[in-house]
Amino acid sequence: MKRYKAAAIIIIIHGLIEIGGFFAVLPLWLGAEQGAWMPFDPPSPLIIVGGVIWGVFRLIGGFALYKNRLWGFWFSAILCVKTLSAMFYILPFGLMDAILGGTALILMLTQYFDKKKLVE
């Protein structure tokens, strides 16, 4: 059970980071001057809105997993697998996605399957 809780916390943190990306780019959309804190051009609003949607999904899955809901486990596992499969398309940020999503997925699967063997 401890690994589920740890995975849920990682997924919730990951969701908050995704949503935080919106607040990082918001000053640039409102006309703030680009400085050293944002050394590249801001992404399109569609990408940022997609990140917020993913962040909300992660929060929903993370809180459901934390509350020990089976659908939260599967929803979070699907999100983690999708994150790992898409990480190469969003480099360099995909590296952090891989670390967080991969760690959460490993924790969830090791708790779910525990000591079960393939062949007896």
PDB file of N, CA and C in Angstrom:
ATOM      1  N   MET A   1       0.821  -1.194   0.000  1.00  0.00           N
ATOM      2  CA  MET A   1       0.000   0.000   0.000  1.00  0.00           C
ATOM      3  C   MET A   1       0.865   1.258   0.000  1.00  0.00           C
ATOM      4  N   LYS A   2       2.036   1.166   0.597  1.00  0.00           N
ATOM      5  CA  LYS A   2       2.909   2.335   0.654  1.00  0.00           C
ATOM      6  C   LYS A   2       3.364   2.759  -0.741  1.00  0.00           C
ATOM      7  N   ARG A   3       3.588   1.778  -1.621  1.00  0.00           N
ATOM      8  CA  ARG A   3       4.038   2.113  -2.972  1.00  0.00           C
ATOM      9  C   ARG A   3       2.932   2.785  -3.777  1.00  0.00           C
ATOM     10  N   TYR A   4       1.677   2.407  -3.538  1.00  0.00           N
ATOM     11  CA  TYR A   4       0.569   3.096  -4.197  1.00  0.00           C
ATOM     12  C   TYR A   4       0.512   4.558  -3.764  1.00  0.00           C
ATOM     13  N   LYS A   5       0.670   4.777  -2.474  1.00  0.00           N
ATOM     14  CA  LYS A   5       0.627   6.156  -1.956  1.00  0.00           C
ATOM     15  C   LYS A   5       1.787   6.976  -2.512  1.00  0.00           C
ATOM     16  N   ALA A   6       2.974   6.385  -2.578  1.00  0.00           N
ATOM     17  CA  ALA A   6       4.137   7.094  -3.125  1.00  0.00           C
ATOM     18  C   ALA A   6       3.921   7.402  -4.600  1.00  0.00           C
ATOM     19  N   ALA A   7       3.382   6.435  -5.344  1.00  0.00           N
ATOM     20  CA  ALA A   7       3.105   6.660  -6.765  1.00  0.00           C
ATOM     21  C   ALA A   7       2.058   7.753  -6.934  1.00  0.00           C
ATOM     22  N   ALA A   8       1.039   7.740  -6.083  1.00  0.00           N
ATOM     23  CA  ALA A   8      -0.010   8.762  -6.170  1.00  0.00           C
ATOM     24  C   ALA A   8       0.565  10.151  -5.915  1.00  0.00           C
ATOM     25  N   ILE A   9       1.452  10.267  -4.953  1.00  0.00           N
ATOM     26  CA  ILE A   9       2.063  11.563  -4.656  1.00  0.00           C
ATOM     27  C   ILE A   9       2.921  12.029  -5.831  1.00  0.00           C
ATOM     28  N   ILE A  10       3.667  11.112  -6.441  1.00  0.00           N
ATOM     29  CA  ILE A  10       4.481  11.469  -7.608  1.00  0.00           C
ATOM     30  C   ILE A  10       3.585  11.932  -8.754  1.00  0.00           C
ATOM     31  N   ILE A  11       2.478  11.249  -8.973  1.00  0.00           N
ATOM     32  CA  ILE A  11       1.563  11.612 -10.064  1.00  0.00           C
ATOM     33  C   ILE A  11       0.918  12.971  -9.783  1.00  0.00           C
ATOM     34  N   ILE A  12       0.564  13.227  -8.541  1.00  0.00           N
ATOM     35  CA  ILE A  12      -0.019  14.525  -8.186  1.00  0.00           C
ATOM     36  C   ILE A  12       1.000  15.641  -8.396  1.00  0.00           C
ATOM     37  N   ILE A  13       2.240  15.417  -7.985  1.00  0.00           N
ATOM     38  CA  ILE A  13       3.292  16.416  -8.202  1.00  0.00           C
ATOM     39  C   ILE A  13       3.500  16.646  -9.695  1.00  0.00           C
ATOM     40  N   HIS A  14       3.487  15.579 -10.462  1.00  0.00           N
ATOM     41  CA  HIS A  14       3.637  15.685 -11.916  1.00  0.00           C
ATOM     42  C   HIS A  14       2.497  16.515 -12.513  1.00  0.00           C
ATOM     43  N   GLY A  15       1.290  16.295 -12.040  1.00  0.00           N
ATOM     44  CA  GLY A  15       0.152  17.081 -12.509  1.00  0.00           C
ATOM     45  C   GLY A  15       0.285  18.552 -12.160  1.00  0.00           C
ATOM     46  N   LEU A  16       0.766  18.842 -10.961  1.00  0.00           N
ATOM     47  CA  LEU A  16       0.966  20.236 -10.563  1.00  0.00           C
ATOM     48  C   LEU A  16       2.043  20.902 -11.405  1.00  0.00           C
ATOM     49  N   ILE A  17       3.088  20.160 -11.763  1.00  0.00           N
ATOM     50  CA  ILE A  17       4.136  20.702 -12.630  1.00  0.00           C
ATOM     51  C   ILE A  17       3.560  21.016 -14.005  1.00  0.00           C
ATOM     52  N   GLU A  18       2.734  20.112 -14.529  1.00  0.00           N
ATOM     53  CA  GLU A  18       2.112  20.348 -15.834  1.00  0.00           C
ATOM     54  C   GLU A  18       1.251  21.610 -15.812  1.00  0.00           C
ATOM     55  N   ILE A  19       0.459  21.771 -14.768  1.00  0.00           N
ATOM     56  CA  ILE A  19      -0.387  22.951 -14.651  1.00  0.00           C
ATOM     57  C   ILE A  19       0.466  24.197 -14.421  1.00  0.00           C
ATOM     58  N   GLY A  20       1.574  24.048 -13.708  1.00  0.00           N
ATOM     59  CA  GLY A  20       2.476  25.169 -13.466  1.00  0.00           C
ATOM     60  C   GLY A  20       3.090  25.725 -14.734  1.00  0.00           C
ATOM     61  N   GLY A  21       3.195  24.905 -15.771  1.00  0.00           N
ATOM     62  CA  GLY A  21       3.699  25.388 -17.054  1.00  0.00           C
ATOM     63  C   GLY A  21       2.844  26.504 -17.631  1.00  0.00           C
ATOM     64  N   PHE A  22       1.555  26.445 -17.384  1.00  0.00           N
ATOM     65  CA  PHE A  22       0.653  27.505 -17.825  1.00  0.00           C
ATOM     66  C   PHE A  22       1.011  28.825 -17.151  1.00  0.00           C
ATOM     67  N   PHE A  23       1.259  28.779 -15.849  1.00  0.00           N
ATOM     68  CA  PHE A  23       1.573  30.000 -15.111  1.00  0.00           C
ATOM     69  C   PHE A  23       2.965  30.528 -15.436  1.00  0.00           C
ATOM     70  N   ALA A  24       3.845  29.661 -15.930  1.00  0.00           N
ATOM     71  CA  ALA A  24       5.181  30.103 -16.325  1.00  0.00           C
ATOM     72  C   ALA A  24       5.149  30.885 -17.636  1.00  0.00           C
ATOM     73  N   VAL A  25       4.230  30.519 -18.516  1.00  0.00           N
ATOM     74  CA  VAL A  25       4.153  31.152 -19.825  1.00  0.00           C
ATOM     75  C   VAL A  25       3.164  32.317 -19.822  1.00  0.00           C
ATOM     76  N   LEU A  26       2.261  32.348 -18.885  1.00  0.00           N
ATOM     77  CA  LEU A  26       1.233  33.384 -18.828  1.00  0.00           C
ATOM     78  C   LEU A  26       1.793  34.810 -18.881  1.00  0.00           C
ATOM     79  N   PRO A  27       2.867  35.154 -18.161  1.00  0.00           N
ATOM     80  CA  PRO A  27       3.385  36.527 -18.259  1.00  0.00           C
ATOM     81  C   PRO A  27       3.819  36.914 -19.667  1.00  0.00           C
ATOM     82  N   LEU A  28       4.333  35.959 -20.432  1.00  0.00           N
ATOM     83  CA  LEU A  28       4.734  36.259 -21.807  1.00  0.00           C
ATOM     84  C   LEU A  28       3.525  36.561 -22.681  1.00  0.00           C
ATOM     85  N   TRP A  29       2.429  35.873 -22.452  1.00  0.00           N
ATOM     86  CA  TRP A  29       1.218  36.136 -23.221  1.00  0.00           C
ATOM     87  C   TRP A  29       0.604  37.482 -22.848  1.00  0.00           C
ATOM     88  N   LEU A  30       0.850  37.908 -21.599  1.00  0.00           N
ATOM     89  CA  LEU A  30       0.292  39.179 -21.139  1.00  0.00           C
ATOM     90  C   LEU A  30       1.191  40.359 -21.468  1.00  0.00           C
ATOM     91  N   GLY A  31       2.294  40.108 -22.161  1.00  0.00           N
ATOM     92  CA  GLY A  31       3.136  41.190 -22.624  1.00  0.00           C
ATOM     93  C   GLY A  31       4.397  41.437 -21.830  1.00  0.00           C
ATOM     94  N   ALA A  32       4.737  40.600 -20.891  1.00  0.00           N
ATOM     95  CA  ALA A  32       5.982  40.769 -20.144  1.00  0.00           C
ATOM     96  C   ALA A  32       7.161  40.544 -21.083  1.00  0.00           C
ATOM     97  N   GLU A  33       8.239  41.221 -20.800  1.00  0.00           N
ATOM     98  CA  GLU A  33       9.421  41.096 -21.649  1.00  0.00           C
ATOM     99  C   GLU A  33      10.130  39.771 -21.357  1.00  0.00           C
ATOM    100  N   GLN A  34      10.554  39.116 -22.421  1.00  0.00           N
ATOM    101  CA  GLN A  34      11.234  37.831 -22.289  1.00  0.00           C
ATOM    102  C   GLN A  34      12.637  38.063 -21.753  1.00  0.00           C
ATOM    103  N   GLY A  35      12.985  37.348 -20.688  1.00  0.00           N
ATOM    104  CA  GLY A  35      14.291  37.513 -20.073  1.00  0.00           C
ATOM    105  C   GLY A  35      15.028  36.199 -19.954  1.00  0.00           C
ATOM    106  N   ALA A  36      15.997  36.178 -19.071  1.00  0.00           N
ATOM    107  CA  ALA A  36      16.830  34.992 -18.895  1.00  0.00           C
ATOM    108  C   ALA A  36      16.039  33.827 -18.309  1.00  0.00           C
ATOM    109  N   TRP A  37      14.938  34.095 -17.640  1.00  0.00           N
ATOM    110  CA  TRP A  37      14.158  33.016 -17.031  1.00  0.00           C
ATOM    111  C   TRP A  37      13.438  32.182 -18.086  1.00  0.00           C
ATOM    112  N   MET A  38      13.255  32.723 -19.300  1.00  0.00           N
ATOM    113  CA  MET A  38      12.627  31.980 -20.381  1.00  0.00           C
ATOM    114  C   MET A  38      13.472  32.177 -21.635  1.00  0.00           C
ATOM    115  N   PRO A  39      14.535  31.375 -21.792  1.00  0.00           N
ATOM    116  CA  PRO A  39      15.486  31.622 -22.873  1.00  0.00           C
ATOM    117  C   PRO A  39      15.018  31.169 -24.257  1.00  0.00           C
ATOM    118  N   PHE A  40      13.788  30.725 -24.397  1.00  0.00           N
ATOM    119  CA  PHE A  40      13.292  30.279 -25.685  1.00  0.00           C
ATOM    120  C   PHE A  40      11.927  30.905 -25.944  1.00  0.00           C
ATOM    121  N   ASP A  41      11.487  30.825 -27.160  1.00  0.00           N
ATOM    122  CA  ASP A  41      10.182  31.380 -27.504  1.00  0.00           C
ATOM    123  C   ASP A  41       9.080  30.598 -26.806  1.00  0.00           C
ATOM    124  N   PRO A  42       8.041  31.284 -26.370  1.00  0.00           N
ATOM    125  CA  PRO A  42       6.958  30.564 -25.679  1.00  0.00           C
ATOM    126  C   PRO A  42       6.238  29.626 -26.638  1.00  0.00           C
ATOM    127  N   PRO A  43       5.813  28.483 -26.143  1.00  0.00           N
ATOM    128  CA  PRO A  43       5.074  27.552 -26.995  1.00  0.00           C
ATOM    129  C   PRO A  43       3.700  28.111 -27.340  1.00  0.00           C
ATOM    130  N   SER A  44       3.064  27.493 -28.292  1.00  0.00           N
ATOM    131  CA  SER A  44       1.737  27.950 -28.707  1.00  0.00           C
ATOM    132  C   SER A  44       0.730  27.694 -27.579  1.00  0.00           C
ATOM    133  N   PRO A  45      -0.324  28.493 -27.547  1.00  0.00           N
ATOM    134  CA  PRO A  45      -1.349  28.303 -26.506  1.00  0.00           C
ATOM    135  C   PRO A  45      -1.972  26.911 -26.532  1.00  0.00           C
ATOM    136  N   LEU A  46      -2.064  26.311 -27.702  1.00  0.00           N
ATOM    137  CA  LEU A  46      -2.659  24.981 -27.792  1.00  0.00           C
ATOM    138  C   LEU A  46      -1.841  23.944 -27.025  1.00  0.00           C
ATOM    139  N   ILE A  47      -0.521  24.046 -27.102  1.00  0.00           N
ATOM    140  CA  ILE A  47       0.346  23.126 -26.371  1.00  0.00           C
ATOM    141  C   ILE A  47       0.194  23.329 -24.864  1.00  0.00           C
ATOM    142  N   ILE A  48       0.110  24.570 -24.453  1.00  0.00           N
ATOM    143  CA  ILE A  48      -0.029  24.864 -23.021  1.00  0.00           C
ATOM    144  C   ILE A  48      -1.380  24.373 -22.505  1.00  0.00           C
ATOM    145  N   VAL A  49      -2.437  24.583 -23.267  1.00  0.00           N
ATOM    146  CA  VAL A  49      -3.758  24.102 -22.856  1.00  0.00           C
ATOM    147  C   VAL A  49      -3.749  22.573 -22.787  1.00  0.00           C
ATOM    148  N   GLY A  50      -3.084  21.931 -23.726  1.00  0.00           N
ATOM    149  CA  GLY A  50      -2.952  20.471 -23.664  1.00  0.00           C
ATOM    150  C   GLY A  50      -2.221  20.022 -22.415  1.00  0.00           C
ATOM    151  N   GLY A  51      -1.183  20.757 -22.027  1.00  0.00           N
ATOM    152  CA  GLY A  51      -0.464  20.433 -20.797  1.00  0.00           C
ATOM    153  C   GLY A  51      -1.327  20.595 -19.566  1.00  0.00           C
ATOM    154  N   VAL A  52      -2.170  21.610 -19.557  1.00  0.00           N
ATOM    155  CA  VAL A  52      -3.079  21.811 -18.418  1.00  0.00           C
ATOM    156  C   VAL A  52      -4.080  20.672 -18.343  1.00  0.00           C
ATOM    157  N   ILE A  53      -4.595  20.253 -19.496  1.00  0.00           N
ATOM    158  CA  ILE A  53      -5.544  19.130 -19.508  1.00  0.00           C
ATOM    159  C   ILE A  53      -4.869  17.861 -18.982  1.00  0.00           C
ATOM    160  N   TRP A  54      -3.637  17.594 -19.442  1.00  0.00           N
ATOM    161  CA  TRP A  54      -2.897  16.432 -18.935  1.00  0.00           C
ATOM    162  C   TRP A  54      -2.665  16.561 -17.427  1.00  0.00           C
ATOM    163  N   GLY A  55      -2.361  17.771 -16.977  1.00  0.00           N
ATOM    164  CA  GLY A  55      -2.144  17.985 -15.548  1.00  0.00           C
ATOM    165  C   GLY A  55      -3.391  17.701 -14.731  1.00  0.00           C
ATOM    166  N   VAL A  56      -4.539  18.133 -15.222  1.00  0.00           N
ATOM    167  CA  VAL A  56      -5.799  17.866 -14.519  1.00  0.00           C
ATOM    168  C   VAL A  56      -6.076  16.369 -14.505  1.00  0.00           C
ATOM    169  N   PHE A  57      -5.836  15.694 -15.636  1.00  0.00           N
ATOM    170  CA  PHE A  57      -6.016  14.242 -15.663  1.00  0.00           C
ATOM    171  C   PHE A  57      -5.096  13.556 -14.655  1.00  0.00           C
ATOM    172  N   ARG A  58      -3.860  14.014 -14.560  1.00  0.00           N
ATOM    173  CA  ARG A  58      -2.929  13.422 -13.593  1.00  0.00           C
ATOM    174  C   ARG A  58      -3.405  13.648 -12.165  1.00  0.00           C
ATOM    175  N   LEU A  59      -3.918  14.829 -11.886  1.00  0.00           N
ATOM    176  CA  LEU A  59      -4.443  15.091 -10.543  1.00  0.00           C
ATOM    177  C   LEU A  59      -5.620  14.174 -10.228  1.00  0.00           C
ATOM    178  N   ILE A  60      -6.518  14.004 -11.183  1.00  0.00           N
ATOM    179  CA  ILE A  60      -7.672  13.117 -10.976  1.00  0.00           C
ATOM    180  C   ILE A  60      -7.196  11.688 -10.726  1.00  0.00           C
ATOM    181  N   GLY A  61      -6.306  11.196 -11.576  1.00  0.00           N
ATOM    182  CA  GLY A  61      -5.798   9.830 -11.408  1.00  0.00           C
ATOM    183  C   GLY A  61      -4.999   9.667 -10.133  1.00  0.00           C
ATOM    184  N   GLY A  62      -4.178  10.669  -9.793  1.00  0.00           N
ATOM    185  CA  GLY A  62      -3.368  10.587  -8.584  1.00  0.00           C
ATOM    186  C   GLY A  62      -4.210  10.568  -7.320  1.00  0.00           C
ATOM    187  N   PHE A  63      -5.228  11.429  -7.259  1.00  0.00           N
ATOM    188  CA  PHE A  63      -6.090  11.441  -6.071  1.00  0.00           C
ATOM    189  C   PHE A  63      -6.924  10.170  -5.985  1.00  0.00           C
ATOM    190  N   ALA A  64      -7.378   9.637  -7.123  1.00  0.00           N
ATOM    191  CA  ALA A  64      -8.125   8.381  -7.104  1.00  0.00           C
ATOM    192  C   ALA A  64      -7.233   7.227  -6.654  1.00  0.00           C
ATOM    193  N   LEU A  65      -5.989   7.213  -7.107  1.00  0.00           N
ATOM    194  CA  LEU A  65      -5.050   6.178  -6.666  1.00  0.00           C
ATOM    195  C   LEU A  65      -4.765   6.315  -5.184  1.00  0.00           C
ATOM    196  N   TYR A  66      -4.621   7.548  -4.715  1.00  0.00           N
ATOM    197  CA  TYR A  66      -4.370   7.775  -3.292  1.00  0.00           C
ATOM    198  C   TYR A  66      -5.549   7.295  -2.437  1.00  0.00           C
ATOM    199  N   LYS A  67      -6.765   7.417  -2.988  1.00  0.00           N
ATOM    200  CA  LYS A  67      -7.967   6.955  -2.274  1.00  0.00           C
ATOM    201  C   LYS A  67      -8.216   5.461  -2.485  1.00  0.00           C
ATOM    202  N   ASN A  68      -7.253   4.766  -3.112  1.00  0.00           N
ATOM    203  CA  ASN A  68      -7.293   3.315  -3.284  1.00  0.00           C
ATOM    204  C   ASN A  68      -8.435   2.874  -4.199  1.00  0.00           C
ATOM    205  N   ARG A  69      -8.651   3.600  -5.278  1.00  0.00           N
ATOM    206  CA  ARG A  69      -9.657   3.235  -6.261  1.00  0.00           C
ATOM    207  C   ARG A  69      -8.994   2.482  -7.409  1.00  0.00           C
ATOM    208  N   LEU A  70      -9.597   1.378  -7.814  1.00  0.00           N
ATOM    209  CA  LEU A  70      -9.029   0.565  -8.883  1.00  0.00           C
ATOM    210  C   LEU A  70      -8.996   1.325 -10.207  1.00  0.00           C
ATOM    211  N   TRP A  71     -10.045   2.097 -10.478  1.00  0.00           N
ATOM    212  CA  TRP A  71     -10.049   2.873 -11.720  1.00  0.00           C
ATOM    213  C   TRP A  71      -8.944   3.922 -11.708  1.00  0.00           C
ATOM    214  N   GLY A  72      -8.600   4.427 -10.530  1.00  0.00           N
ATOM    215  CA  GLY A  72      -7.497   5.378 -10.412  1.00  0.00           C
ATOM    216  C   GLY A  72      -6.165   4.726 -10.740  1.00  0.00           C
ATOM    217  N   PHE A  73      -6.020   3.459 -10.349  1.00  0.00           N
ATOM    218  CA  PHE A  73      -4.806   2.722 -10.694  1.00  0.00           C
ATOM    219  C   PHE A  73      -4.669   2.597 -12.204  1.00  0.00           C
ATOM    220  N   TRP A  74      -5.734   2.115 -12.863  1.00  0.00           N
ATOM    221  CA  TRP A  74      -5.657   1.894 -14.305  1.00  0.00           C
ATOM    222  C   TRP A  74      -5.562   3.204 -15.075  1.00  0.00           C
ATOM    223  N   PHE A  75      -6.270   4.221 -14.636  1.00  0.00           N
ATOM    224  CA  PHE A  75      -6.197   5.518 -15.298  1.00  0.00           C
ATOM    225  C   PHE A  75      -4.790   6.092 -15.184  1.00  0.00           C
ATOM    226  N   SER A  76      -4.207   6.006 -14.003  1.00  0.00           N
ATOM    227  CA  SER A  76      -2.843   6.508 -13.801  1.00  0.00           C
ATOM    228  C   SER A  76      -1.825   5.679 -14.577  1.00  0.00           C
ATOM    229  N   ALA A  77      -2.022   4.371 -14.623  1.00  0.00           N
ATOM    230  CA  ALA A  77      -1.103   3.515 -15.380  1.00  0.00           C
ATOM    231  C   ALA A  77      -1.153   3.849 -16.867  1.00  0.00           C
ATOM    232  N   ILE A  78      -2.350   4.072 -17.391  1.00  0.00           N
ATOM    233  CA  ILE A  78      -2.477   4.438 -18.804  1.00  0.00           C
ATOM    234  C   ILE A  78      -1.802   5.781 -19.067  1.00  0.00           C
ATOM    235  N   LEU A  79      -1.992   6.746 -18.178  1.00  0.00           N
ATOM    236  CA  LEU A  79      -1.339   8.049 -18.338  1.00  0.00           C
ATOM    237  C   LEU A  79       0.181   7.916 -18.310  1.00  0.00           C
ATOM    238  N   CYS A  80       0.693   7.081 -17.405  1.00  0.00           N
ATOM    239  CA  CYS A  80       2.146   6.904 -17.309  1.00  0.00           C
ATOM    240  C   CYS A  80       2.707   6.245 -18.566  1.00  0.00           C
ATOM    241  N   VAL A  81       2.018   5.232 -19.084  1.00  0.00           N
ATOM    242  CA  VAL A  81       2.482   4.557 -20.297  1.00  0.00           C
ATOM    243  C   VAL A  81       2.439   5.519 -21.477  1.00  0.00           C
ATOM    244  N   LYS A  82       1.386   6.299 -21.582  1.00  0.00           N
ATOM    245  CA  LYS A  82       1.285   7.279 -22.662  1.00  0.00           C
ATOM    246  C   LYS A  82       2.390   8.332 -22.542  1.00  0.00           C
ATOM    247  N   THR A  83       2.699   8.737 -21.341  1.00  0.00           N
ATOM    248  CA  THR A  83       3.768   9.707 -21.122  1.00  0.00           C
ATOM    249  C   THR A  83       5.108   9.129 -21.566  1.00  0.00           C
ATOM    250  N   LEU A  84       5.370   7.881 -21.216  1.00  0.00           N
ATOM    251  CA  LEU A  84       6.629   7.258 -21.613  1.00  0.00           C
ATOM    252  C   LEU A  84       6.720   7.086 -23.125  1.00  0.00           C
ATOM    253  N   SER A  85       5.597   6.835 -23.774  1.00  0.00           N
ATOM    254  CA  SER A  85       5.635   6.654 -25.219  1.00  0.00           C
ATOM    255  C   SER A  85       5.783   7.981 -25.963  1.00  0.00           C
ATOM    256  N   ALA A  86       5.366   9.087 -25.361  1.00  0.00           N
ATOM    257  CA  ALA A  86       5.422  10.390 -26.032  1.00  0.00           C
ATOM    258  C   ALA A  86       6.603  11.240 -25.596  1.00  0.00           C
ATOM    259  N   MET A  87       7.426  10.756 -24.701  1.00  0.00           N
ATOM    260  CA  MET A  87       8.482  11.603 -24.138  1.00  0.00           C
ATOM    261  C   MET A  87       9.496  12.068 -25.170  1.00  0.00           C
ATOM    262  N   PHE A  88       9.726  11.294 -26.213  1.00  0.00           N
ATOM    263  CA  PHE A  88      10.729  11.662 -27.204  1.00  0.00           C
ATOM    264  C   PHE A  88      10.286  12.836 -28.070  1.00  0.00           C
ATOM    265  N   TYR A  89       8.999  13.082 -28.118  1.00  0.00           N
ATOM    266  CA  TYR A  89       8.485  14.166 -28.948  1.00  0.00           C
ATOM    267  C   TYR A  89       8.504  15.512 -28.241  1.00  0.00           C
ATOM    268  N   ILE A  90       8.751  15.504 -26.946  1.00  0.00           N
ATOM    269  CA  ILE A  90       8.732  16.757 -26.196  1.00  0.00           C
ATOM    270  C   ILE A  90      10.033  16.980 -25.436  1.00  0.00           C
ATOM    271  N   LEU A  91      11.136  16.550 -26.037  1.00  0.00           N
ATOM    272  CA  LEU A  91      12.437  16.771 -25.404  1.00  0.00           C
ATOM    273  C   LEU A  91      12.741  18.256 -25.375  1.00  0.00           C
ATOM    274  N   PRO A  92      13.373  18.790 -24.359  1.00  0.00           N
ATOM    275  CA  PRO A  92      14.023  18.182 -23.215  1.00  0.00           C
ATOM    276  C   PRO A  92      13.093  17.928 -22.031  1.00  0.00           C
ATOM    277  N   PHE A  93      11.856  18.456 -22.099  1.00  0.00           N
ATOM    278  CA  PHE A  93      10.940  18.304 -20.966  1.00  0.00           C
ATOM    279  C   PHE A  93      10.496  16.864 -20.782  1.00  0.00           C
ATOM    280  N   GLY A  94      10.565  16.087 -21.846  1.00  0.00           N
ATOM    281  CA  GLY A  94      10.183  14.685 -21.771  1.00  0.00           C
ATOM    282  C   GLY A  94      11.057  13.869 -20.840  1.00  0.00           C
ATOM    283  N   LEU A  95      12.273  14.336 -20.603  1.00  0.00           N
ATOM    284  CA  LEU A  95      13.142  13.612 -19.662  1.00  0.00           C
ATOM    285  C   LEU A  95      12.561  13.626 -18.257  1.00  0.00           C
ATOM    286  N   MET A  96      12.059  14.771 -17.833  1.00  0.00           N
ATOM    287  CA  MET A  96      11.436  14.841 -16.506  1.00  0.00           C
ATOM    288  C   MET A  96      10.131  14.050 -16.492  1.00  0.00           C
ATOM    289  N   ASP A  97       9.395  14.092 -17.590  1.00  0.00           N
ATOM    290  CA  ASP A  97       8.187  13.270 -17.681  1.00  0.00           C
ATOM    291  C   ASP A  97       8.521  11.793 -17.539  1.00  0.00           C
ATOM    292  N   ALA A  98       9.620  11.362 -18.172  1.00  0.00           N
ATOM    293  CA  ALA A  98      10.013   9.961 -18.105  1.00  0.00           C
ATOM    294  C   ALA A  98      10.410   9.566 -16.688  1.00  0.00           C
ATOM    295  N   ILE A  99      11.122  10.443 -16.007  1.00  0.00           N
ATOM    296  CA  ILE A  99      11.548  10.135 -14.634  1.00  0.00           C
ATOM    297  C   ILE A  99      10.334  10.016 -13.717  1.00  0.00           C
ATOM    298  N   LEU A 100       9.436  10.990 -13.786  1.00  0.00           N
ATOM    299  CA  LEU A 100       8.265  10.967 -12.896  1.00  0.00           C
ATOM    300  C   LEU A 100       7.281   9.865 -13.288  1.00  0.00           C
ATOM    301  N   GLY A 101       6.927   9.793 -14.576  1.00  0.00           N
ATOM    302  CA  GLY A 101       5.970   8.784 -15.017  1.00  0.00           C
ATOM    303  C   GLY A 101       6.506   7.366 -14.881  1.00  0.00           C
ATOM    304  N   GLY A 102       7.778   7.179 -15.210  1.00  0.00           N
ATOM    305  CA  GLY A 102       8.377   5.853 -15.088  1.00  0.00           C
ATOM    306  C   GLY A 102       8.474   5.387 -13.650  1.00  0.00           C
ATOM    307  N   THR A 103       8.863   6.287 -12.763  1.00  0.00           N
ATOM    308  CA  THR A 103       8.947   5.929 -11.345  1.00  0.00           C
ATOM    309  C   THR A 103       7.578   5.565 -10.792  1.00  0.00           C
ATOM    310  N   ALA A 104       6.571   6.360 -11.120  1.00  0.00           N
ATOM    311  CA  ALA A 104       5.218   6.068 -10.640  1.00  0.00           C
ATOM    312  C   ALA A 104       4.717   4.736 -11.198  1.00  0.00           C
ATOM    313  N   LEU A 105       4.982   4.485 -12.470  1.00  0.00           N
ATOM    314  CA  LEU A 105       4.530   3.228 -13.076  1.00  0.00           C
ATOM    315  C   LEU A 105       5.213   2.023 -12.435  1.00  0.00           C
ATOM    316  N   ILE A 106       6.494   2.122 -12.198  1.00  0.00           N
ATOM    317  CA  ILE A 106       7.219   1.019 -11.555  1.00  0.00           C
ATOM    318  C   ILE A 106       6.676   0.765 -10.151  1.00  0.00           C
ATOM    319  N   LEU A 107       6.429   1.827  -9.407  1.00  0.00           N
ATOM    320  CA  LEU A 107       5.880   1.665  -8.052  1.00  0.00           C
ATOM    321  C   LEU A 107       4.500   0.999  -8.097  1.00  0.00           C
ATOM    322  N   MET A 108       3.659   1.446  -9.020  1.00  0.00           N
ATOM    323  CA  MET A 108       2.316   0.869  -9.106  1.00  0.00           C
ATOM    324  C   MET A 108       2.361  -0.605  -9.505  1.00  0.00           C
ATOM    325  N   LEU A 109       3.186  -0.939 -10.497  1.00  0.00           N
ATOM    326  CA  LEU A 109       3.230  -2.326 -10.966  1.00  0.00           C
ATOM    327  C   LEU A 109       3.869  -3.261  -9.944  1.00  0.00           C
ATOM    328  N   THR A 110       4.913  -2.796  -9.257  1.00  0.00           N
ATOM    329  CA  THR A 110       5.525  -3.666  -8.242  1.00  0.00           C
ATOM    330  C   THR A 110       4.585  -3.890  -7.067  1.00  0.00           C
ATOM    331  N   GLN A 111       3.741  -2.922  -6.746  1.00  0.00           N
ATOM    332  CA  GLN A 111       2.759  -3.130  -5.683  1.00  0.00           C
ATOM    333  C   GLN A 111       1.624  -4.033  -6.167  1.00  0.00           C
ATOM    334  N   TYR A 112       1.178  -3.828  -7.397  1.00  0.00           N
ATOM    335  CA  TYR A 112       0.048  -4.594  -7.927  1.00  0.00           C
ATOM    336  C   TYR A 112       0.392  -6.074  -8.073  1.00  0.00           C
ATOM    337  N   PHE A 113       1.560  -6.365  -8.629  1.00  0.00           N
ATOM    338  CA  PHE A 113       1.934  -7.755  -8.868  1.00  0.00           C
ATOM    339  C   PHE A 113       2.733  -8.361  -7.737  1.00  0.00           C
ATOM    340  N   ASP A 114       3.294  -7.573  -6.882  1.00  0.00           N
ATOM    341  CA  ASP A 114       4.026  -7.967  -5.685  1.00  0.00           C
ATOM    342  C   ASP A 114       4.945  -9.172  -5.940  1.00  0.00           C
ATOM    343  N   LYS A 115       4.648 -10.332  -5.384  1.00  0.00           N
ATOM    344  CA  LYS A 115       5.532 -11.491  -5.493  1.00  0.00           C
ATOM    345  C   LYS A 115       4.981 -12.576  -6.421  1.00  0.00           C
ATOM    346  N   LYS A 116       4.058 -12.202  -7.269  1.00  0.00           N
ATOM    347  CA  LYS A 116       3.499 -13.175  -8.204  1.00  0.00           C
ATOM    348  C   LYS A 116       4.571 -13.577  -9.206  1.00  0.00           C
ATOM    349  N   LYS A 117       4.577 -14.861  -9.586  1.00  0.00           N
ATOM    350  CA  LYS A 117       5.561 -15.384 -10.525  1.00  0.00           C
ATOM    351  C   LYS A 117       4.900 -15.683 -11.860  1.00  0.00           C
ATOM    352  N   LEU A 118       5.700 -15.668 -12.899  1.00  0.00           N
ATOM    353  CA  LEU A 118       5.172 -15.996 -14.220  1.00  0.00           C
ATOM    354  C   LEU A 118       4.789 -17.459 -14.307  1.00  0.00           C
ATOM    355  N   VAL A 119       5.668 -18.332 -13.834  1.00  0.00           N
ATOM    356  CA  VAL A 119       5.425 -19.764 -13.895  1.00  0.00           C
ATOM    357  C   VAL A 119       5.710 -20.350 -12.515  1.00  0.00           C
ATOM    358  N   GLU A 120       4.838 -21.195 -12.084  1.00  0.00           N
ATOM    359  CA  GLU A 120       5.041 -21.829 -10.759  1.00  0.00           C
ATOM    360  C   GLU A 120       5.976 -23.011 -10.864  1.00  0.00           C
TER     361      GLU A 120
END
